[in-house]
Amino acid sequence: MLGNETVAAVLADLDTAPISDALRATLRLLRKVTREHAAVTADDMRTVLAAGATRAQIVDALNVCFAFNVITRLADTFRFKIPPQSSFDGSAKRLLSHGYTL
């Protein structure tokens, strides 16, 4: 799991952030899909695989990216209210200690 400082470094400059080459390549792929709305090519996949990501990791990353993009678009469409950061922090602590079970 990445700490707050690492996440901030990734958001500030992906090229110099202290993360693995596999994660950096995966994030570049996700940026292409999300922000550039460009098609993923075989060369894109070869680049991420060459950086050390596995096929399963790439599939997982693309699935999570898809889910968040759909949720974000629906939230924007229906004007969902975003709770304060403290709500997210509390939810994260509960999930980390209890998982998704009730």
PDB file of N, CA and C in Angstrom:
ATOM      1  N   MET A   1       0.844  -1.173   0.000  1.00  0.00           N
ATOM      2  CA  MET A   1       0.000   0.000   0.000  1.00  0.00           C
ATOM      3  C   MET A   1       0.893   1.242   0.000  1.00  0.00           C
ATOM      4  N   LEU A   2       0.519   2.226  -0.791  1.00  0.00           N
ATOM      5  CA  LEU A   2       1.303   3.447  -0.877  1.00  0.00           C
ATOM      6  C   LEU A   2       0.902   4.414   0.222  1.00  0.00           C
ATOM      7  N   GLY A   3       1.883   5.084   0.815  1.00  0.00           N
ATOM      8  CA  GLY A   3       1.614   6.091   1.826  1.00  0.00           C
ATOM      9  C   GLY A   3       1.227   7.413   1.188  1.00  0.00           C
ATOM     10  N   ASN A   4       0.744   8.326   2.010  1.00  0.00           N
ATOM     11  CA  ASN A   4       0.312   9.640   1.528  1.00  0.00           C
ATOM     12  C   ASN A   4       1.424  10.390   0.805  1.00  0.00           C
ATOM     13  N   GLU A   5       2.651  10.281   1.313  1.00  0.00           N
ATOM     14  CA  GLU A   5       3.766  10.987   0.683  1.00  0.00           C
ATOM     15  C   GLU A   5       4.053  10.433  -0.711  1.00  0.00           C
ATOM     16  N   THR A   6       3.966   9.128  -0.852  1.00  0.00           N
ATOM     17  CA  THR A   6       4.208   8.505  -2.153  1.00  0.00           C
ATOM     18  C   THR A   6       3.118   8.894  -3.140  1.00  0.00           C
ATOM     19  N   VAL A   7       1.870   8.873  -2.684  1.00  0.00           N
ATOM     20  CA  VAL A   7       0.758   9.273  -3.551  1.00  0.00           C
ATOM     21  C   VAL A   7       0.941  10.721  -3.992  1.00  0.00           C
ATOM     22  N   ALA A   8       1.314  11.585  -3.058  1.00  0.00           N
ATOM     23  CA  ALA A   8       1.536  12.998  -3.401  1.00  0.00           C
ATOM     24  C   ALA A   8       2.661  13.123  -4.424  1.00  0.00           C
ATOM     25  N   ALA A   9       3.711  12.330  -4.276  1.00  0.00           N
ATOM     26  CA  ALA A   9       4.831  12.377  -5.219  1.00  0.00           C
ATOM     27  C   ALA A   9       4.399  11.908  -6.602  1.00  0.00           C
ATOM     28  N   VAL A  10       3.562  10.867  -6.664  1.00  0.00           N
ATOM     29  CA  VAL A  10       3.057  10.379  -7.951  1.00  0.00           C
ATOM     30  C   VAL A  10       2.210  11.455  -8.621  1.00  0.00           C
ATOM     31  N   LEU A  11       1.349  12.086  -7.857  1.00  0.00           N
ATOM     32  CA  LEU A  11       0.493  13.129  -8.424  1.00  0.00           C
ATOM     33  C   LEU A  11       1.291  14.348  -8.861  1.00  0.00           C
ATOM     34  N   ALA A  12       2.373  14.638  -8.162  1.00  0.00           N
ATOM     35  CA  ALA A  12       3.206  15.802  -8.508  1.00  0.00           C
ATOM     36  C   ALA A  12       4.043  15.536  -9.753  1.00  0.00           C
ATOM     37  N   ASP A  13       4.644  14.344  -9.843  1.00  0.00           N
ATOM     38  CA  ASP A  13       5.503  14.036 -10.985  1.00  0.00           C
ATOM     39  C   ASP A  13       5.689  12.526 -11.089  1.00  0.00           C
ATOM     40  N   LEU A  14       4.933  11.914 -11.965  1.00  0.00           N
ATOM     41  CA  LEU A  14       4.977  10.463 -12.134  1.00  0.00           C
ATOM     42  C   LEU A  14       6.381   9.975 -12.501  1.00  0.00           C
ATOM     43  N   ASP A  15       7.121  10.758 -13.262  1.00  0.00           N
ATOM     44  CA  ASP A  15       8.441  10.332 -13.725  1.00  0.00           C
ATOM     45  C   ASP A  15       9.468  10.209 -12.607  1.00  0.00           C
ATOM     46  N   THR A  16       9.341  11.018 -11.549  1.00  0.00           N
ATOM     47  CA  THR A  16      10.340  10.992 -10.479  1.00  0.00           C
ATOM     48  C   THR A  16       9.810  10.388  -9.179  1.00  0.00           C
ATOM     49  N   ALA A  17       8.569   9.981  -9.145  1.00  0.00           N
ATOM     50  CA  ALA A  17       7.979   9.425  -7.928  1.00  0.00           C
ATOM     51  C   ALA A  17       8.686   8.122  -7.535  1.00  0.00           C
ATOM     52  N   PRO A  18       8.812   7.864  -6.236  1.00  0.00           N
ATOM     53  CA  PRO A  18       9.506   6.658  -5.761  1.00  0.00           C
ATOM     54  C   PRO A  18       8.622   5.412  -5.815  1.00  0.00           C
ATOM     55  N   ILE A  19       8.339   4.955  -7.032  1.00  0.00           N
ATOM     56  CA  ILE A  19       7.509   3.758  -7.241  1.00  0.00           C
ATOM     57  C   ILE A  19       8.221   2.838  -8.221  1.00  0.00           C
ATOM     58  N   SER A  20       7.742   1.619  -8.317  1.00  0.00           N
ATOM     59  CA  SER A  20       8.362   0.652  -9.229  1.00  0.00           C
ATOM     60  C   SER A  20       8.104   1.037 -10.685  1.00  0.00           C
ATOM     61  N   ASP A  21       8.974   0.545 -11.545  1.00  0.00           N
ATOM     62  CA  ASP A  21       8.791   0.791 -12.980  1.00  0.00           C
ATOM     63  C   ASP A  21       7.489   0.177 -13.477  1.00  0.00           C
ATOM     64  N   ALA A  22       7.106  -0.969 -12.911  1.00  0.00           N
ATOM     65  CA  ALA A  22       5.856  -1.621 -13.320  1.00  0.00           C
ATOM     66  C   ALA A  22       4.653  -0.748 -12.989  1.00  0.00           C
ATOM     67  N   LEU A  23       4.641  -0.179 -11.788  1.00  0.00           N
ATOM     68  CA  LEU A  23       3.532   0.691 -11.401  1.00  0.00           C
ATOM     69  C   LEU A  23       3.527   1.963 -12.242  1.00  0.00           C
ATOM     70  N   ARG A  24       4.698   2.536 -12.474  1.00  0.00           N
ATOM     71  CA  ARG A  24       4.793   3.759 -13.293  1.00  0.00           C
ATOM     72  C   ARG A  24       4.231   3.505 -14.703  1.00  0.00           C
ATOM     73  N   ALA A  25       4.609   2.378 -15.303  1.00  0.00           N
ATOM     74  CA  ALA A  25       4.130   2.047 -16.647  1.00  0.00           C
ATOM     75  C   ALA A  25       2.616   1.807 -16.642  1.00  0.00           C
ATOM     76  N   THR A  26       2.139   1.153 -15.599  1.00  0.00           N
ATOM     77  CA  THR A  26       0.701   0.895 -15.485  1.00  0.00           C
ATOM     78  C   THR A  26      -0.067   2.199 -15.354  1.00  0.00           C
ATOM     79  N   LEU A  27       0.433   3.113 -14.541  1.00  0.00           N
ATOM     80  CA  LEU A  27      -0.236   4.413 -14.373  1.00  0.00           C
ATOM     81  C   LEU A  27      -0.229   5.216 -15.672  1.00  0.00           C
ATOM     82  N   ARG A  28       0.836   5.109 -16.433  1.00  0.00           N
ATOM     83  CA  ARG A  28       0.863   5.783 -17.740  1.00  0.00           C
ATOM     84  C   ARG A  28      -0.207   5.203 -18.672  1.00  0.00           C
ATOM     85  N   LEU A  29      -0.365   3.890 -18.642  1.00  0.00           N
ATOM     86  CA  LEU A  29      -1.395   3.239 -19.450  1.00  0.00           C
ATOM     87  C   LEU A  29      -2.782   3.727 -19.023  1.00  0.00           C
ATOM     88  N   LEU A  30      -3.017   3.785 -17.723  1.00  0.00           N
ATOM     89  CA  LEU A  30      -4.315   4.240 -17.228  1.00  0.00           C
ATOM     90  C   LEU A  30      -4.565   5.707 -17.579  1.00  0.00           C
ATOM     91  N   ARG A  31      -3.514   6.509 -17.554  1.00  0.00           N
ATOM     92  CA  ARG A  31      -3.655   7.915 -17.958  1.00  0.00           C
ATOM     93  C   ARG A  31      -4.057   8.001 -19.426  1.00  0.00           C
ATOM     94  N   LYS A  32      -3.459   7.168 -20.252  1.00  0.00           N
ATOM     95  CA  LYS A  32      -3.794   7.163 -21.672  1.00  0.00           C
ATOM     96  C   LYS A  32      -5.270   6.817 -21.878  1.00  0.00           C
ATOM     97  N   VAL A  33      -5.723   5.795 -21.178  1.00  0.00           N
ATOM     98  CA  VAL A  33      -7.110   5.351 -21.315  1.00  0.00           C
ATOM     99  C   VAL A  33      -8.090   6.400 -20.774  1.00  0.00           C
ATOM    100  N   THR A  34      -7.745   6.993 -19.637  1.00  0.00           N
ATOM    101  CA  THR A  34      -8.667   7.880 -18.932  1.00  0.00           C
ATOM    102  C   THR A  34      -8.638   9.318 -19.442  1.00  0.00           C
ATOM    103  N   ARG A  35      -7.475   9.862 -19.586  1.00  0.00           N
ATOM    104  CA  ARG A  35      -7.376  11.289 -19.930  1.00  0.00           C
ATOM    105  C   ARG A  35      -7.236  11.551 -21.422  1.00  0.00           C
ATOM    106  N   GLU A  36      -6.587  10.649 -22.113  1.00  0.00           N
ATOM    107  CA  GLU A  36      -6.376  10.852 -23.543  1.00  0.00           C
ATOM    108  C   GLU A  36      -7.456  10.168 -24.372  1.00  0.00           C
ATOM    109  N   HIS A  37      -8.247   9.314 -23.728  1.00  0.00           N
ATOM    110  CA  HIS A  37      -9.325   8.575 -24.393  1.00  0.00           C
ATOM    111  C   HIS A  37      -8.809   7.884 -25.653  1.00  0.00           C
ATOM    112  N   ALA A  38      -7.592   7.371 -25.549  1.00  0.00           N
ATOM    113  CA  ALA A  38      -6.960   6.725 -26.700  1.00  0.00           C
ATOM    114  C   ALA A  38      -7.080   5.209 -26.585  1.00  0.00           C
ATOM    115  N   ALA A  39      -7.044   4.563 -27.704  1.00  0.00           N
ATOM    116  CA  ALA A  39      -7.095   3.105 -27.732  1.00  0.00           C
ATOM    117  C   ALA A  39      -5.778   2.535 -27.207  1.00  0.00           C
ATOM    118  N   VAL A  40      -5.877   1.436 -26.507  1.00  0.00           N
ATOM    119  CA  VAL A  40      -4.699   0.731 -26.021  1.00  0.00           C
ATOM    120  C   VAL A  40      -4.222  -0.190 -27.138  1.00  0.00           C
ATOM    121  N   THR A  41      -2.948  -0.107 -27.438  1.00  0.00           N
ATOM    122  CA  THR A  41      -2.376  -0.909 -28.517  1.00  0.00           C
ATOM    123  C   THR A  41      -1.542  -2.051 -27.938  1.00  0.00           C
ATOM    124  N   ALA A  42      -1.170  -2.964 -28.807  1.00  0.00           N
ATOM    125  CA  ALA A  42      -0.293  -4.060 -28.399  1.00  0.00           C
ATOM    126  C   ALA A  42       1.042  -3.519 -27.889  1.00  0.00           C
ATOM    127  N   ASP A  43       1.523  -2.440 -28.504  1.00  0.00           N
ATOM    128  CA  ASP A  43       2.772  -1.829 -28.046  1.00  0.00           C
ATOM    129  C   ASP A  43       2.625  -1.276 -26.626  1.00  0.00           C
ATOM    130  N   ASP A  44       1.466  -0.697 -26.314  1.00  0.00           N
ATOM    131  CA  ASP A  44       1.222  -0.203 -24.954  1.00  0.00           C
ATOM    132  C   ASP A  44       1.322  -1.347 -23.954  1.00  0.00           C
ATOM    133  N   MET A  45       0.706  -2.467 -24.290  1.00  0.00           N
ATOM    134  CA  MET A  45       0.724  -3.616 -23.398  1.00  0.00           C
ATOM    135  C   MET A  45       2.133  -4.189 -23.265  1.00  0.00           C
ATOM    136  N   ARG A  46       2.869  -4.252 -24.360  1.00  0.00           N
ATOM    137  CA  ARG A  46       4.241  -4.754 -24.308  1.00  0.00           C
ATOM    138  C   ARG A  46       5.106  -3.872 -23.411  1.00  0.00           C
ATOM    139  N   THR A  47       4.882  -2.566 -23.457  1.00  0.00           N
ATOM    140  CA  THR A  47       5.649  -1.634 -22.629  1.00  0.00           C
ATOM    141  C   THR A  47       5.405  -1.896 -21.147  1.00  0.00           C
ATOM    142  N   VAL A  48       4.149  -2.088 -20.771  1.00  0.00           N
ATOM    143  CA  VAL A  48       3.817  -2.330 -19.362  1.00  0.00           C
ATOM    144  C   VAL A  48       4.363  -3.688 -18.924  1.00  0.00           C
ATOM    145  N   LEU A  49       4.228  -4.700 -19.765  1.00  0.00           N
ATOM    146  CA  LEU A  49       4.766  -6.023 -19.440  1.00  0.00           C
ATOM    147  C   LEU A  49       6.290  -5.989 -19.307  1.00  0.00           C
ATOM    148  N   ALA A  50       6.948  -5.254 -20.198  1.00  0.00           N
ATOM    149  CA  ALA A  50       8.409  -5.149 -20.149  1.00  0.00           C
ATOM    150  C   ALA A  50       8.879  -4.437 -18.883  1.00  0.00           C
ATOM    151  N   ALA A  51       8.030  -3.574 -18.334  1.00  0.00           N
ATOM    152  CA  ALA A  51       8.386  -2.858 -17.106  1.00  0.00           C
ATOM    153  C   ALA A  51       8.236  -3.743 -15.870  1.00  0.00           C
ATOM    154  N   GLY A  52       7.634  -4.923 -16.043  1.00  0.00           N
ATOM    155  CA  GLY A  52       7.545  -5.853 -14.928  1.00  0.00           C
ATOM    156  C   GLY A  52       6.153  -6.156 -14.412  1.00  0.00           C
ATOM    157  N   ALA A  53       5.142  -5.536 -14.984  1.00  0.00           N
ATOM    158  CA  ALA A  53       3.768  -5.838 -14.562  1.00  0.00           C
ATOM    159  C   ALA A  53       3.333  -7.167 -15.167  1.00  0.00           C
ATOM    160  N   THR A  54       2.521  -7.895 -14.446  1.00  0.00           N
ATOM    161  CA  THR A  54       1.984  -9.151 -14.973  1.00  0.00           C
ATOM    162  C   THR A  54       0.684  -8.874 -15.720  1.00  0.00           C
ATOM    163  N   ARG A  55       0.264  -9.839 -16.520  1.00  0.00           N
ATOM    164  CA  ARG A  55      -1.018  -9.706 -17.230  1.00  0.00           C
ATOM    165  C   ARG A  55      -2.156  -9.513 -16.239  1.00  0.00           C
ATOM    166  N   ALA A  56      -2.134 -10.272 -15.145  1.00  0.00           N
ATOM    167  CA  ALA A  56      -3.189 -10.165 -14.131  1.00  0.00           C
ATOM    168  C   ALA A  56      -3.208  -8.775 -13.502  1.00  0.00           C
ATOM    169  N   GLN A  57      -2.040  -8.204 -13.244  1.00  0.00           N
ATOM    170  CA  GLN A  57      -1.976  -6.861 -12.667  1.00  0.00           C
ATOM    171  C   GLN A  57      -2.538  -5.817 -13.635  1.00  0.00           C
ATOM    172  N   ILE A  58      -2.246  -5.979 -14.902  1.00  0.00           N
ATOM    173  CA  ILE A  58      -2.758  -5.039 -15.904  1.00  0.00           C
ATOM    174  C   ILE A  58      -4.276  -5.150 -15.997  1.00  0.00           C
ATOM    175  N   VAL A  59      -4.780  -6.367 -16.030  1.00  0.00           N
ATOM    176  CA  VAL A  59      -6.228  -6.570 -16.091  1.00  0.00           C
ATOM    177  C   VAL A  59      -6.896  -5.971 -14.858  1.00  0.00           C
ATOM    178  N   ASP A  60      -6.325  -6.223 -13.685  1.00  0.00           N
ATOM    179  CA  ASP A  60      -6.879  -5.656 -12.447  1.00  0.00           C
ATOM    180  C   ASP A  60      -6.897  -4.131 -12.512  1.00  0.00           C
ATOM    181  N   ALA A  61      -5.794  -3.542 -12.948  1.00  0.00           N
ATOM    182  CA  ALA A  61      -5.706  -2.085 -13.023  1.00  0.00           C
ATOM    183  C   ALA A  61      -6.745  -1.521 -13.989  1.00  0.00           C
ATOM    184  N   LEU A  62      -6.908  -2.155 -15.143  1.00  0.00           N
ATOM    185  CA  LEU A  62      -7.899  -1.685 -16.112  1.00  0.00           C
ATOM    186  C   LEU A  62      -9.327  -1.848 -15.584  1.00  0.00           C
ATOM    187  N   ASN A  63      -9.585  -2.941 -14.861  1.00  0.00           N
ATOM    188  CA  ASN A  63     -10.916  -3.138 -14.274  1.00  0.00           C
ATOM    189  C   ASN A  63     -11.228  -2.079 -13.221  1.00  0.00           C
ATOM    190  N   VAL A  64     -10.277  -1.793 -12.358  1.00  0.00           N
ATOM    191  CA  VAL A  64     -10.477  -0.763 -11.338  1.00  0.00           C
ATOM    192  C   VAL A  64     -10.653   0.600 -11.996  1.00  0.00           C
ATOM    193  N   CYS A  65      -9.848   0.880 -12.998  1.00  0.00           N
ATOM    194  CA  CYS A  65      -9.953   2.147 -13.732  1.00  0.00           C
ATOM    195  C   CYS A  65     -11.339   2.293 -14.347  1.00  0.00           C
ATOM    196  N   PHE A  66     -11.821   1.231 -14.973  1.00  0.00           N
ATOM    197  CA  PHE A  66     -13.151   1.263 -15.581  1.00  0.00           C
ATOM    198  C   PHE A  66     -14.222   1.553 -14.523  1.00  0.00           C
ATOM    199  N   ALA A  67     -14.148   0.839 -13.403  1.00  0.00           N
ATOM    200  CA  ALA A  67     -15.146   1.015 -12.344  1.00  0.00           C
ATOM    201  C   ALA A  67     -15.147   2.447 -11.818  1.00  0.00           C
ATOM    202  N   PHE A  68     -13.969   2.996 -11.551  1.00  0.00           N
ATOM    203  CA  PHE A  68     -13.903   4.355 -11.030  1.00  0.00           C
ATOM    204  C   PHE A  68     -14.380   5.377 -12.060  1.00  0.00           C
ATOM    205  N   ASN A  69     -14.072   5.153 -13.329  1.00  0.00           N
ATOM    206  CA  ASN A  69     -14.546   6.070 -14.364  1.00  0.00           C
ATOM    207  C   ASN A  69     -16.067   6.070 -14.461  1.00  0.00           C
ATOM    208  N   VAL A  70     -16.682   4.892 -14.398  1.00  0.00           N
ATOM    209  CA  VAL A  70     -18.143   4.807 -14.446  1.00  0.00           C
ATOM    210  C   VAL A  70     -18.749   5.489 -13.225  1.00  0.00           C
ATOM    211  N   ILE A  71     -18.217   5.169 -12.048  1.00  0.00           N
ATOM    212  CA  ILE A  71     -18.737   5.765 -10.817  1.00  0.00           C
ATOM    213  C   ILE A  71     -18.606   7.283 -10.840  1.00  0.00           C
ATOM    214  N   THR A  72     -17.468   7.781 -11.282  1.00  0.00           N
ATOM    215  CA  THR A  72     -17.247   9.225 -11.331  1.00  0.00           C
ATOM    216  C   THR A  72     -18.214   9.898 -12.300  1.00  0.00           C
ATOM    217  N   ARG A  73     -18.412   9.303 -13.456  1.00  0.00           N
ATOM    218  CA  ARG A  73     -19.337   9.896 -14.431  1.00  0.00           C
ATOM    219  C   ARG A  73     -20.775   9.901 -13.911  1.00  0.00           C
ATOM    220  N   LEU A  74     -21.172   8.806 -13.253  1.00  0.00           N
ATOM    221  CA  LEU A  74     -22.512   8.766 -12.664  1.00  0.00           C
ATOM    222  C   LEU A  74     -22.643   9.778 -11.532  1.00  0.00           C
ATOM    223  N   ALA A  75     -21.629   9.869 -10.693  1.00  0.00           N
ATOM    224  CA  ALA A  75     -21.655  10.831  -9.585  1.00  0.00           C
ATOM    225  C   ALA A  75     -21.760  12.261 -10.115  1.00  0.00           C
ATOM    226  N   ASP A  76     -21.021  12.564 -11.168  1.00  0.00           N
ATOM    227  CA  ASP A  76     -21.102  13.896 -11.768  1.00  0.00           C
ATOM    228  C   ASP A  76     -22.492  14.138 -12.365  1.00  0.00           C
ATOM    229  N   THR A  77     -23.026  13.144 -13.046  1.00  0.00           N
ATOM    230  CA  THR A  77     -24.335  13.273 -13.679  1.00  0.00           C
ATOM    231  C   THR A  77     -25.436  13.518 -12.658  1.00  0.00           C
ATOM    232  N   PHE A  78     -25.372  12.779 -11.551  1.00  0.00           N
ATOM    233  CA  PHE A  78     -26.414  12.888 -10.539  1.00  0.00           C
ATOM    234  C   PHE A  78     -26.061  13.857  -9.411  1.00  0.00           C
ATOM    235  N   ARG A  79     -24.940  14.564  -9.573  1.00  0.00           N
ATOM    236  CA  ARG A  79     -24.497  15.585  -8.620  1.00  0.00           C
ATOM    237  C   ARG A  79     -24.405  15.053  -7.193  1.00  0.00           C
ATOM    238  N   PHE A  80     -23.697  13.941  -7.063  1.00  0.00           N
ATOM    239  CA  PHE A  80     -23.485  13.364  -5.736  1.00  0.00           C
ATOM    240  C   PHE A  80     -22.737  14.351  -4.860  1.00  0.00           C
ATOM    241  N   LYS A  81     -23.085  14.385  -3.592  1.00  0.00           N
ATOM    242  CA  LYS A  81     -22.377  15.213  -2.628  1.00  0.00           C
ATOM    243  C   LYS A  81     -21.137  14.452  -2.162  1.00  0.00           C
ATOM    244  N   ILE A  82     -19.981  15.092  -2.196  1.00  0.00           N
ATOM    245  CA  ILE A  82     -18.735  14.473  -1.776  1.00  0.00           C
ATOM    246  C   ILE A  82     -18.543  14.756  -0.287  1.00  0.00           C
ATOM    247  N   PRO A  83     -18.406  13.712   0.525  1.00  0.00           N
ATOM    248  CA  PRO A  83     -18.204  13.940   1.964  1.00  0.00           C
ATOM    249  C   PRO A  83     -16.803  14.467   2.236  1.00  0.00           C
ATOM    250  N   PRO A  84     -16.567  14.957   3.443  1.00  0.00           N
ATOM    251  CA  PRO A  84     -15.223  15.463   3.784  1.00  0.00           C
ATOM    252  C   PRO A  84     -14.205  14.320   3.863  1.00  0.00           C
ATOM    253  N   GLN A  85     -12.936  14.671   3.801  1.00  0.00           N
ATOM    254  CA  GLN A  85     -11.856  13.686   3.842  1.00  0.00           C
ATOM    255  C   GLN A  85     -11.952  12.796   5.074  1.00  0.00           C
ATOM    256  N   SER A  86     -12.402  13.343   6.199  1.00  0.00           N
ATOM    257  CA  SER A  86     -12.491  12.554   7.428  1.00  0.00           C
ATOM    258  C   SER A  86     -13.427  11.358   7.254  1.00  0.00           C
ATOM    259  N   SER A  87     -14.461  11.500   6.442  1.00  0.00           N
ATOM    260  CA  SER A  87     -15.365  10.377   6.179  1.00  0.00           C
ATOM    261  C   SER A  87     -14.655   9.271   5.406  1.00  0.00           C
ATOM    262  N   PHE A  88     -13.866   9.668   4.419  1.00  0.00           N
ATOM    263  CA  PHE A  88     -13.102   8.682   3.657  1.00  0.00           C
ATOM    264  C   PHE A  88     -12.080   7.978   4.552  1.00  0.00           C
ATOM    265  N   ASP A  89     -11.424   8.749   5.420  1.00  0.00           N
ATOM    266  CA  ASP A  89     -10.428   8.167   6.323  1.00  0.00           C
ATOM    267  C   ASP A  89     -11.070   7.152   7.260  1.00  0.00           C
ATOM    268  N   GLY A  90     -12.231   7.483   7.802  1.00  0.00           N
ATOM    269  CA  GLY A  90     -12.936   6.562   8.692  1.00  0.00           C
ATOM    270  C   GLY A  90     -13.361   5.296   7.980  1.00  0.00           C
ATOM    271  N   SER A  91     -13.860   5.441   6.760  1.00  0.00           N
ATOM    272  CA  SER A  91     -14.269   4.268   5.970  1.00  0.00           C
ATOM    273  C   SER A  91     -13.066   3.383   5.653  1.00  0.00           C
ATOM    274  N   ALA A  92     -11.959   4.002   5.321  1.00  0.00           N
ATOM    275  CA  ALA A  92     -10.748   3.234   5.008  1.00  0.00           C
ATOM    276  C   ALA A  92     -10.287   2.439   6.222  1.00  0.00           C
ATOM    277  N   LYS A  93     -10.328   3.046   7.395  1.00  0.00           N
ATOM    278  CA  LYS A  93      -9.916   2.337   8.615  1.00  0.00           C
ATOM    279  C   LYS A  93     -10.830   1.149   8.880  1.00  0.00           C
ATOM    280  N   ARG A  94     -12.130   1.333   8.705  1.00  0.00           N
ATOM    281  CA  ARG A  94     -13.071   0.226   8.908  1.00  0.00           C
ATOM    282  C   ARG A  94     -12.812  -0.904   7.919  1.00  0.00           C
ATOM    283  N   LEU A  95     -12.605  -0.548   6.663  1.00  0.00           N
ATOM    284  CA  LEU A  95     -12.359  -1.579   5.650  1.00  0.00           C
ATOM    285  C   LEU A  95     -11.044  -2.323   5.924  1.00  0.00           C
ATOM    286  N   LEU A  96     -10.019  -1.593   6.351  1.00  0.00           N
ATOM    287  CA  LEU A  96      -8.746  -2.235   6.624  1.00  0.00           C
ATOM    288  C   LEU A  96      -8.825  -3.178   7.829  1.00  0.00           C
ATOM    289  N   SER A  97      -9.653  -2.822   8.797  1.00  0.00           N
ATOM    290  CA  SER A  97      -9.734  -3.677   9.988  1.00  0.00           C
ATOM    291  C   SER A  97     -10.794  -4.771   9.882  1.00  0.00           C
ATOM    292  N   HIS A  98     -11.859  -4.538   9.132  1.00  0.00           N
ATOM    293  CA  HIS A  98     -12.959  -5.506   9.067  1.00  0.00           C
ATOM    294  C   HIS A  98     -13.240  -6.055   7.672  1.00  0.00           C
ATOM    295  N   GLY A  99     -12.647  -5.502   6.659  1.00  0.00           N
ATOM    296  CA  GLY A  99     -12.928  -5.935   5.290  1.00  0.00           C
ATOM    297  C   GLY A  99     -14.291  -5.457   4.840  1.00  0.00           C
ATOM    298  N   TYR A 100     -14.845  -6.113   3.855  1.00  0.00           N
ATOM    299  CA  TYR A 100     -16.134  -5.703   3.292  1.00  0.00           C
ATOM    300  C   TYR A 100     -17.311  -6.418   3.921  1.00  0.00           C
ATOM    301  N   THR A 101     -17.086  -7.158   4.986  1.00  0.00           N
ATOM    302  CA  THR A 101     -18.182  -7.855   5.650  1.00  0.00           C
ATOM    303  C   THR A 101     -18.881  -6.937   6.653  1.00  0.00           C
ATOM    304  N   LEU A 102     -20.104  -7.231   6.919  1.00  0.00           N
ATOM    305  CA  LEU A 102     -20.846  -6.433   7.905  1.00  0.00           C
ATOM    306  C   LEU A 102     -20.761  -7.040   9.270  1.00  0.00           C
TER     307      LEU A 102
END
